[in-house]
């Protein structure tokens, strides 16, 4: 995937070319469009005709996660923990901001934190995966762009932003005037990840795609919940989905690399 700043340098456009399908897609502010006709030469540039208007969201966070191959592992875990219904819902009083780990981020957990990864798929610790996802989730009467999250981190005396399952610190590095040229980072305890695609706008909130899961080898019960908006969910009836989630990692090929 390749990205460039838009002409208004507060946003970026993301391009993905699939060699097997010989197809080109472009994404802007959360809307993914297919290029219907490309490389139309003009005297002052090149035109690519696309099938959607960028920047006008039409999917919920859940719909976007389900459709984006780079978020498939996170979506499978959301389905397994039954948080998927929340992410699909569009409620005016409950706006959602979610740091969604990439597929590669979950692969890193499997490689670096073996025991913790095992707990994600263990039916004897059913609330573990729920708490991990809640650590990445903010539910409020408004949603937050990455710029607003950085502002909240700077404004808060504790330099953290409360989530449904902990606290995160969000920082930005780069040109202050041009957000498209900045790098954004999310931190929890000693874990730090880069936001690889910020401000994915959806009809019920924002997704910020991060390359690292905010977790380590420690068990979740060592970290108390800081928000009372969400409760752990009993997962016994859906333990087979946990097995399906674990099976996703038996093959390390990421669809987005195709």
C-alpha atoms as a PDB file:
ATOM      1  CA  UNK A   1       0.000   0.000   0.000  1.00  0.00           C
ATOM      2  CA  UNK A   2       1.255   3.446  -0.968  1.00  0.00           C
ATOM      3  CA  UNK A   3       0.108   6.814   0.378  1.00  0.00           C
ATOM      4  CA  UNK A   4       0.545  10.440  -0.651  1.00  0.00           C
ATOM      5  CA  UNK A   5      -0.634  13.707   0.929  1.00  0.00           C
ATOM      6  CA  UNK A   6      -3.798  15.122  -0.567  1.00  0.00           C
ATOM      7  CA  UNK A   7      -3.706  18.605  -2.081  1.00  0.00           C
ATOM      8  CA  UNK A   8      -5.130  19.845   1.208  1.00  0.00           C
ATOM      9  CA  UNK A   9      -2.253  18.586   3.323  1.00  0.00           C
ATOM     10  CA  UNK A  10      -4.256  17.561   6.378  1.00  0.00           C
ATOM     11  CA  UNK A  11      -5.155  14.209   4.835  1.00  0.00           C
ATOM     12  CA  UNK A  12      -3.529  11.396   2.885  1.00  0.00           C
ATOM     13  CA  UNK A  13      -4.741   9.185   0.055  1.00  0.00           C
ATOM     14  CA  UNK A  14      -3.933   5.469   0.174  1.00  0.00           C
ATOM     15  CA  UNK A  15      -3.454   3.374  -2.965  1.00  0.00           C
ATOM     16  CA  UNK A  16      -3.415  -0.401  -3.215  1.00  0.00           C
ATOM     17  CA  UNK A  17      -2.671  -2.321  -6.394  1.00  0.00           C
ATOM     18  CA  UNK A  18      -3.518  -6.017  -6.569  1.00  0.00           C
ATOM     19  CA  UNK A  19      -1.338  -7.812  -9.086  1.00  0.00           C
ATOM     20  CA  UNK A  20      -3.476 -10.992  -9.198  1.00  0.00           C
ATOM     21  CA  UNK A  21      -6.652  -8.985  -9.847  1.00  0.00           C
ATOM     22  CA  UNK A  22      -4.943  -6.223 -11.850  1.00  0.00           C
ATOM     23  CA  UNK A  23      -7.015  -3.740  -9.851  1.00  0.00           C
ATOM     24  CA  UNK A  24      -6.265  -0.397  -8.228  1.00  0.00           C
ATOM     25  CA  UNK A  25      -8.134   1.018  -5.238  1.00  0.00           C
ATOM     26  CA  UNK A  26      -7.814   4.344  -3.460  1.00  0.00           C
ATOM     27  CA  UNK A  27      -8.934   5.288   0.037  1.00  0.00           C
ATOM     28  CA  UNK A  28      -9.513   8.700   1.564  1.00  0.00           C
ATOM     29  CA  UNK A  29     -11.010   9.481   4.993  1.00  0.00           C
ATOM     30  CA  UNK A  30     -12.307   5.936   5.346  1.00  0.00           C
ATOM     31  CA  UNK A  31     -13.946   5.527   1.948  1.00  0.00           C
ATOM     32  CA  UNK A  32     -12.424   2.932  -0.364  1.00  0.00           C
ATOM     33  CA  UNK A  33     -13.063   3.313  -4.096  1.00  0.00           C
ATOM     34  CA  UNK A  34     -12.154   1.170  -7.069  1.00  0.00           C
ATOM     35  CA  UNK A  35     -10.489   2.770 -10.060  1.00  0.00           C
ATOM     36  CA  UNK A  36     -12.784   2.105 -13.026  1.00  0.00           C
ATOM     37  CA  UNK A  37     -10.565   3.746 -15.615  1.00  0.00           C
ATOM     38  CA  UNK A  38      -6.988   4.799 -15.013  1.00  0.00           C
ATOM     39  CA  UNK A  39      -4.177   6.742 -16.621  1.00  0.00           C
ATOM     40  CA  UNK A  40      -6.253   9.141 -18.707  1.00  0.00           C
ATOM     41  CA  UNK A  41      -3.652  11.592 -19.928  1.00  0.00           C
ATOM     42  CA  UNK A  42      -4.370  15.321 -20.137  1.00  0.00           C
ATOM     43  CA  UNK A  43      -2.228  18.343 -20.961  1.00  0.00           C
ATOM     44  CA  UNK A  44      -1.750  19.134 -17.266  1.00  0.00           C
ATOM     45  CA  UNK A  45      -1.909  15.769 -15.513  1.00  0.00           C
ATOM     46  CA  UNK A  46      -3.541  12.349 -15.283  1.00  0.00           C
ATOM     47  CA  UNK A  47      -7.150  11.409 -14.458  1.00  0.00           C
ATOM     48  CA  UNK A  48      -8.311   8.232 -12.720  1.00  0.00           C
ATOM     49  CA  UNK A  49     -12.070   7.598 -12.653  1.00  0.00           C
ATOM     50  CA  UNK A  50     -13.300   6.047  -9.386  1.00  0.00           C
ATOM     51  CA  UNK A  51     -16.661   4.607  -8.326  1.00  0.00           C
ATOM     52  CA  UNK A  52     -17.173   6.483  -5.028  1.00  0.00           C
ATOM     53  CA  UNK A  53     -16.800   9.968  -3.592  1.00  0.00           C
ATOM     54  CA  UNK A  54     -13.928   9.947  -1.114  1.00  0.00           C
ATOM     55  CA  UNK A  55     -14.501  11.432   2.327  1.00  0.00           C
ATOM     56  CA  UNK A  56     -18.243  10.697   2.523  1.00  0.00           C
ATOM     57  CA  UNK A  57     -18.464   7.651   4.822  1.00  0.00           C
ATOM     58  CA  UNK A  58     -21.184   5.046   4.302  1.00  0.00           C
ATOM     59  CA  UNK A  59     -19.979   2.145   6.489  1.00  0.00           C
ATOM     60  CA  UNK A  60     -20.014   1.574  10.228  1.00  0.00           C
ATOM     61  CA  UNK A  61     -16.789   0.713  12.028  1.00  0.00           C
ATOM     62  CA  UNK A  62     -17.873  -2.912  12.051  1.00  0.00           C
ATOM     63  CA  UNK A  63     -18.664  -2.897   8.336  1.00  0.00           C
ATOM     64  CA  UNK A  64     -15.314  -1.295   7.569  1.00  0.00           C
ATOM     65  CA  UNK A  65     -13.372  -3.809   9.668  1.00  0.00           C
ATOM     66  CA  UNK A  66     -15.238  -6.709   8.069  1.00  0.00           C
ATOM     67  CA  UNK A  67     -14.534  -5.419   4.558  1.00  0.00           C
ATOM     68  CA  UNK A  68     -10.886  -4.397   4.968  1.00  0.00           C
ATOM     69  CA  UNK A  69      -8.525  -7.405   4.628  1.00  0.00           C
ATOM     70  CA  UNK A  70      -5.896  -5.623   6.733  1.00  0.00           C
ATOM     71  CA  UNK A  71      -8.269  -5.644   9.733  1.00  0.00           C
ATOM     72  CA  UNK A  72      -9.576  -9.200   9.372  1.00  0.00           C
ATOM     73  CA  UNK A  73      -7.876 -10.594  12.498  1.00  0.00           C
ATOM     74  CA  UNK A  74      -9.201  -7.769  14.679  1.00  0.00           C
ATOM     75  CA  UNK A  75     -12.673  -8.234  13.228  1.00  0.00           C
ATOM     76  CA  UNK A  76     -12.599 -11.993  13.886  1.00  0.00           C
ATOM     77  CA  UNK A  77     -11.740 -11.302  17.508  1.00  0.00           C
ATOM     78  CA  UNK A  78     -14.476  -8.665  17.745  1.00  0.00           C
ATOM     79  CA  UNK A  79     -16.989 -11.237  16.469  1.00  0.00           C
ATOM     80  CA  UNK A  80     -15.690 -13.841  18.931  1.00  0.00           C
ATOM     81  CA  UNK A  81     -16.034 -11.440  21.866  1.00  0.00           C
ATOM     82  CA  UNK A  82     -19.432 -10.180  20.667  1.00  0.00           C
ATOM     83  CA  UNK A  83     -18.132  -6.628  20.493  1.00  0.00           C
ATOM     84  CA  UNK A  84     -18.996  -6.725  16.791  1.00  0.00           C
ATOM     85  CA  UNK A  85     -22.620  -5.759  17.483  1.00  0.00           C
ATOM     86  CA  UNK A  86     -21.430  -2.591  19.213  1.00  0.00           C
ATOM     87  CA  UNK A  87     -19.132  -1.708  16.312  1.00  0.00           C
ATOM     88  CA  UNK A  88     -21.930  -2.207  13.779  1.00  0.00           C
ATOM     89  CA  UNK A  89     -24.357  -0.005  15.698  1.00  0.00           C
ATOM     90  CA  UNK A  90     -24.907   3.658  14.848  1.00  0.00           C
ATOM     91  CA  UNK A  91     -26.179   5.365  18.007  1.00  0.00           C
ATOM     92  CA  UNK A  92     -26.037   9.193  18.216  1.00  0.00           C
ATOM     93  CA  UNK A  93     -25.246   9.110  21.935  1.00  0.00           C
ATOM     94  CA  UNK A  94     -22.493   6.495  21.673  1.00  0.00           C
ATOM     95  CA  UNK A  95     -19.799   7.523  19.234  1.00  0.00           C
ATOM     96  CA  UNK A  96     -16.854   5.153  18.841  1.00  0.00           C
ATOM     97  CA  UNK A  97     -13.137   5.722  18.386  1.00  0.00           C
ATOM     98  CA  UNK A  98     -11.088   2.567  17.977  1.00  0.00           C
ATOM     99  CA  UNK A  99      -7.405   1.829  17.607  1.00  0.00           C
ATOM    100  CA  UNK A 100      -7.589  -1.245  15.394  1.00  0.00           C
ATOM    101  CA  UNK A 101      -4.479  -3.473  15.287  1.00  0.00           C
ATOM    102  CA  UNK A 102      -3.398  -4.639  11.850  1.00  0.00           C
ATOM    103  CA  UNK A 103      -3.110  -8.315  10.987  1.00  0.00           C
ATOM    104  CA  UNK A 104       0.664  -7.962  11.272  1.00  0.00           C
ATOM    105  CA  UNK A 105       0.212  -6.573  14.791  1.00  0.00           C
ATOM    106  CA  UNK A 106      -1.499  -9.794  15.904  1.00  0.00           C
ATOM    107  CA  UNK A 107       1.271 -11.795  14.253  1.00  0.00           C
ATOM    108  CA  UNK A 108       3.745  -9.911  16.459  1.00  0.00           C
ATOM    109  CA  UNK A 109       1.734 -10.853  19.549  1.00  0.00           C
ATOM    110  CA  UNK A 110       1.852 -14.501  18.546  1.00  0.00           C
ATOM    111  CA  UNK A 111       5.621 -14.265  18.040  1.00  0.00           C
ATOM    112  CA  UNK A 112       6.612 -12.115  21.018  1.00  0.00           C
ATOM    113  CA  UNK A 113       3.983 -12.863  23.691  1.00  0.00           C
ATOM    114  CA  UNK A 114       3.245 -16.548  23.298  1.00  0.00           C
ATOM    115  CA  UNK A 115       1.501 -17.077  26.622  1.00  0.00           C
ATOM    116  CA  UNK A 116      -0.679 -13.986  26.257  1.00  0.00           C
ATOM    117  CA  UNK A 117      -1.633 -15.004  22.738  1.00  0.00           C
ATOM    118  CA  UNK A 118      -2.589 -18.420  24.036  1.00  0.00           C
ATOM    119  CA  UNK A 119      -4.863 -16.729  26.572  1.00  0.00           C
ATOM    120  CA  UNK A 120      -6.683 -14.937  23.750  1.00  0.00           C
ATOM    121  CA  UNK A 121      -7.955 -18.289  22.480  1.00  0.00           C
ATOM    122  CA  UNK A 122      -8.301 -20.063  25.820  1.00  0.00           C
ATOM    123  CA  UNK A 123     -11.904 -20.783  26.840  1.00  0.00           C
ATOM    124  CA  UNK A 124     -10.756 -20.788  30.479  1.00  0.00           C
ATOM    125  CA  UNK A 125      -9.949 -17.053  30.243  1.00  0.00           C
ATOM    126  CA  UNK A 126     -12.972 -15.836  28.261  1.00  0.00           C
ATOM    127  CA  UNK A 127     -12.757 -12.178  29.303  1.00  0.00           C
ATOM    128  CA  UNK A 128      -9.105 -11.763  28.372  1.00  0.00           C
ATOM    129  CA  UNK A 129      -9.712 -10.980  24.681  1.00  0.00           C
ATOM    130  CA  UNK A 130     -12.619  -8.674  25.522  1.00  0.00           C
ATOM    131  CA  UNK A 131     -10.466  -6.600  27.840  1.00  0.00           C
ATOM    132  CA  UNK A 132      -7.672  -6.376  25.263  1.00  0.00           C
ATOM    133  CA  UNK A 133     -10.047  -5.008  22.628  1.00  0.00           C
ATOM    134  CA  UNK A 134     -11.633  -2.649  25.153  1.00  0.00           C
ATOM    135  CA  UNK A 135      -8.196  -1.197  25.839  1.00  0.00           C
ATOM    136  CA  UNK A 136      -8.254   0.025  22.215  1.00  0.00           C
ATOM    137  CA  UNK A 137     -11.817   1.335  22.384  1.00  0.00           C
ATOM    138  CA  UNK A 138     -13.249   4.740  23.312  1.00  0.00           C
ATOM    139  CA  UNK A 139     -17.010   5.189  23.630  1.00  0.00           C
ATOM    140  CA  UNK A 140     -18.224   8.719  24.207  1.00  0.00           C
ATOM    141  CA  UNK A 141     -20.831  11.242  23.145  1.00  0.00           C
ATOM    142  CA  UNK A 142     -18.389  12.216  20.386  1.00  0.00           C
ATOM    143  CA  UNK A 143     -15.703  10.561  18.302  1.00  0.00           C
ATOM    144  CA  UNK A 144     -12.091  11.688  17.953  1.00  0.00           C
ATOM    145  CA  UNK A 145      -9.709  12.224  15.071  1.00  0.00           C
ATOM    146  CA  UNK A 146      -6.071  11.396  15.719  1.00  0.00           C
ATOM    147  CA  UNK A 147      -5.336  15.119  16.018  1.00  0.00           C
ATOM    148  CA  UNK A 148      -7.988  15.507  18.705  1.00  0.00           C
ATOM    149  CA  UNK A 149      -6.629  12.497  20.603  1.00  0.00           C
ATOM    150  CA  UNK A 150      -3.158  14.052  20.615  1.00  0.00           C
ATOM    151  CA  UNK A 151      -4.658  17.289  21.911  1.00  0.00           C
ATOM    152  CA  UNK A 152      -6.428  15.377  24.688  1.00  0.00           C
ATOM    153  CA  UNK A 153      -3.167  13.667  25.635  1.00  0.00           C
ATOM    154  CA  UNK A 154      -1.427  17.026  25.866  1.00  0.00           C
ATOM    155  CA  UNK A 155      -4.280  18.660  27.774  1.00  0.00           C
ATOM    156  CA  UNK A 156      -4.798  15.858  30.276  1.00  0.00           C
ATOM    157  CA  UNK A 157      -2.597  16.245  33.392  1.00  0.00           C
ATOM    158  CA  UNK A 158      -1.814  12.519  33.242  1.00  0.00           C
ATOM    159  CA  UNK A 159      -0.967  12.710  29.501  1.00  0.00           C
ATOM    160  CA  UNK A 160      -3.307   9.793  28.827  1.00  0.00           C
ATOM    161  CA  UNK A 161      -6.666   9.215  27.152  1.00  0.00           C
ATOM    162  CA  UNK A 162      -9.048   6.879  29.017  1.00  0.00           C
ATOM    163  CA  UNK A 163     -10.463   3.934  27.092  1.00  0.00           C
ATOM    164  CA  UNK A 164     -12.963   1.221  27.958  1.00  0.00           C
ATOM    165  CA  UNK A 165     -10.133  -0.960  29.253  1.00  0.00           C
ATOM    166  CA  UNK A 166      -7.250   1.253  30.291  1.00  0.00           C
ATOM    167  CA  UNK A 167      -5.432   4.408  29.269  1.00  0.00           C
ATOM    168  CA  UNK A 168      -3.483   5.278  26.129  1.00  0.00           C
ATOM    169  CA  UNK A 169      -1.073   8.053  25.207  1.00  0.00           C
ATOM    170  CA  UNK A 170      -1.241   9.443  21.668  1.00  0.00           C
ATOM    171  CA  UNK A 171       1.538  11.587  20.247  1.00  0.00           C
ATOM    172  CA  UNK A 172       2.391  13.205  16.925  1.00  0.00           C
ATOM    173  CA  UNK A 173       5.767  13.944  15.364  1.00  0.00           C
ATOM    174  CA  UNK A 174       6.377  16.174  12.350  1.00  0.00           C
ATOM    175  CA  UNK A 175       5.305  19.420  10.730  1.00  0.00           C
ATOM    176  CA  UNK A 176       2.706  21.104  12.923  1.00  0.00           C
ATOM    177  CA  UNK A 177       0.990  22.870  10.029  1.00  0.00           C
ATOM    178  CA  UNK A 178       0.643  19.801   7.801  1.00  0.00           C
ATOM    179  CA  UNK A 179      -0.930  16.807   9.506  1.00  0.00           C
ATOM    180  CA  UNK A 180      -0.519  14.627   6.416  1.00  0.00           C
ATOM    181  CA  UNK A 181       3.246  14.745   6.935  1.00  0.00           C
ATOM    182  CA  UNK A 182       3.108  13.740  10.600  1.00  0.00           C
ATOM    183  CA  UNK A 183       3.745  10.379  12.186  1.00  0.00           C
ATOM    184  CA  UNK A 184       1.337   9.351  14.930  1.00  0.00           C
ATOM    185  CA  UNK A 185       2.025   6.966  17.814  1.00  0.00           C
ATOM    186  CA  UNK A 186      -0.047   5.161  20.440  1.00  0.00           C
ATOM    187  CA  UNK A 187       1.479   4.000  23.740  1.00  0.00           C
ATOM    188  CA  UNK A 188       0.331   1.829  26.613  1.00  0.00           C
ATOM    189  CA  UNK A 189       2.727   1.192  29.473  1.00  0.00           C
ATOM    190  CA  UNK A 190       6.014   0.332  27.686  1.00  0.00           C
ATOM    191  CA  UNK A 191       4.331  -0.746  24.455  1.00  0.00           C
ATOM    192  CA  UNK A 192       4.383   1.745  21.589  1.00  0.00           C
ATOM    193  CA  UNK A 193       2.857   1.427  18.131  1.00  0.00           C
ATOM    194  CA  UNK A 194       2.684   3.555  15.015  1.00  0.00           C
ATOM    195  CA  UNK A 195      -0.630   4.627  13.545  1.00  0.00           C
ATOM    196  CA  UNK A 196      -0.261   3.481   9.952  1.00  0.00           C
ATOM    197  CA  UNK A 197      -3.643   4.786   8.737  1.00  0.00           C
ATOM    198  CA  UNK A 198      -5.280   7.488  10.870  1.00  0.00           C
ATOM    199  CA  UNK A 199      -8.735   9.032  10.599  1.00  0.00           C
ATOM    200  CA  UNK A 200     -10.592   6.231   8.834  1.00  0.00           C
ATOM    201  CA  UNK A 201     -13.976   7.885   9.039  1.00  0.00           C
ATOM    202  CA  UNK A 202     -17.119   5.789   9.535  1.00  0.00           C
ATOM    203  CA  UNK A 203     -20.755   6.665  10.119  1.00  0.00           C
ATOM    204  CA  UNK A 204     -20.461   5.823  13.833  1.00  0.00           C
ATOM    205  CA  UNK A 205     -16.932   7.002  14.590  1.00  0.00           C
ATOM    206  CA  UNK A 206     -13.271   6.737  13.640  1.00  0.00           C
ATOM    207  CA  UNK A 207     -10.798   3.902  13.149  1.00  0.00           C
ATOM    208  CA  UNK A 208      -7.082   4.516  13.616  1.00  0.00           C
ATOM    209  CA  UNK A 209      -5.135   1.549  12.277  1.00  0.00           C
ATOM    210  CA  UNK A 210      -2.099   0.762  14.450  1.00  0.00           C
ATOM    211  CA  UNK A 211       0.793  -1.635  13.812  1.00  0.00           C
ATOM    212  CA  UNK A 212       1.055  -2.898  17.407  1.00  0.00           C
ATOM    213  CA  UNK A 213      -1.447  -4.444  19.824  1.00  0.00           C
ATOM    214  CA  UNK A 214      -1.511  -2.623  23.151  1.00  0.00           C
ATOM    215  CA  UNK A 215      -0.665  -5.679  25.262  1.00  0.00           C
ATOM    216  CA  UNK A 216       2.297  -7.623  26.601  1.00  0.00           C
ATOM    217  CA  UNK A 217       2.888 -10.968  28.282  1.00  0.00           C
ATOM    218  CA  UNK A 218       1.148  -9.996  31.513  1.00  0.00           C
ATOM    219  CA  UNK A 219      -2.344 -11.239  32.257  1.00  0.00           C
ATOM    220  CA  UNK A 220      -5.213  -8.789  31.974  1.00  0.00           C
ATOM    221  CA  UNK A 221      -6.339  -9.130  35.608  1.00  0.00           C
ATOM    222  CA  UNK A 222      -3.216  -7.225  36.649  1.00  0.00           C
ATOM    223  CA  UNK A 223      -4.701  -4.075  35.084  1.00  0.00           C
ATOM    224  CA  UNK A 224      -8.008  -2.775  36.498  1.00  0.00           C
ATOM    225  CA  UNK A 225     -10.654  -1.349  34.210  1.00  0.00           C
ATOM    226  CA  UNK A 226     -10.779   2.461  34.259  1.00  0.00           C
ATOM    227  CA  UNK A 227     -14.147   2.898  32.584  1.00  0.00           C
ATOM    228  CA  UNK A 228     -17.484   1.528  33.659  1.00  0.00           C
ATOM    229  CA  UNK A 229     -19.187   1.800  30.274  1.00  0.00           C
ATOM    230  CA  UNK A 230     -18.402  -1.746  29.156  1.00  0.00           C
ATOM    231  CA  UNK A 231     -18.591  -5.023  30.973  1.00  0.00           C
ATOM    232  CA  UNK A 232     -16.708  -8.247  30.328  1.00  0.00           C
ATOM    233  CA  UNK A 233     -18.653 -10.649  28.188  1.00  0.00           C
ATOM    234  CA  UNK A 234     -19.047 -14.365  28.824  1.00  0.00           C
ATOM    235  CA  UNK A 235     -17.720 -16.089  25.726  1.00  0.00           C
ATOM    236  CA  UNK A 236     -18.448 -19.741  26.412  1.00  0.00           C
ATOM    237  CA  UNK A 237     -21.237 -20.003  23.771  1.00  0.00           C
ATOM    238  CA  UNK A 238     -18.866 -18.722  21.100  1.00  0.00           C
ATOM    239  CA  UNK A 239     -15.661 -20.544  22.015  1.00  0.00           C
ATOM    240  CA  UNK A 240     -15.532 -22.130  18.565  1.00  0.00           C
ATOM    241  CA  UNK A 241     -14.988 -18.646  17.127  1.00  0.00           C
ATOM    242  CA  UNK A 242     -11.917 -18.328  19.309  1.00  0.00           C
ATOM    243  CA  UNK A 243     -10.626 -21.476  17.699  1.00  0.00           C
ATOM    244  CA  UNK A 244     -11.328 -19.964  14.299  1.00  0.00           C
ATOM    245  CA  UNK A 245      -9.460 -16.826  15.347  1.00  0.00           C
ATOM    246  CA  UNK A 246      -6.417 -18.863  16.388  1.00  0.00           C
ATOM    247  CA  UNK A 247      -6.498 -20.696  13.071  1.00  0.00           C
ATOM    248  CA  UNK A 248      -6.105 -17.405  11.237  1.00  0.00           C
ATOM    249  CA  UNK A 249      -2.520 -17.341  12.432  1.00  0.00           C
ATOM    250  CA  UNK A 250      -1.574 -20.761  11.143  1.00  0.00           C
ATOM    251  CA  UNK A 251      -0.851 -18.969   7.865  1.00  0.00           C
ATOM    252  CA  UNK A 252       1.185 -15.788   8.105  1.00  0.00           C
ATOM    253  CA  UNK A 253       0.320 -14.522   4.634  1.00  0.00           C
ATOM    254  CA  UNK A 254      -1.304 -11.141   4.884  1.00  0.00           C
ATOM    255  CA  UNK A 255      -3.929 -10.509   2.231  1.00  0.00           C
ATOM    256  CA  UNK A 256      -2.754  -6.910   1.899  1.00  0.00           C
ATOM    257  CA  UNK A 257       0.616  -8.052   0.591  1.00  0.00           C
ATOM    258  CA  UNK A 258      -0.994  -9.515  -2.518  1.00  0.00           C
END
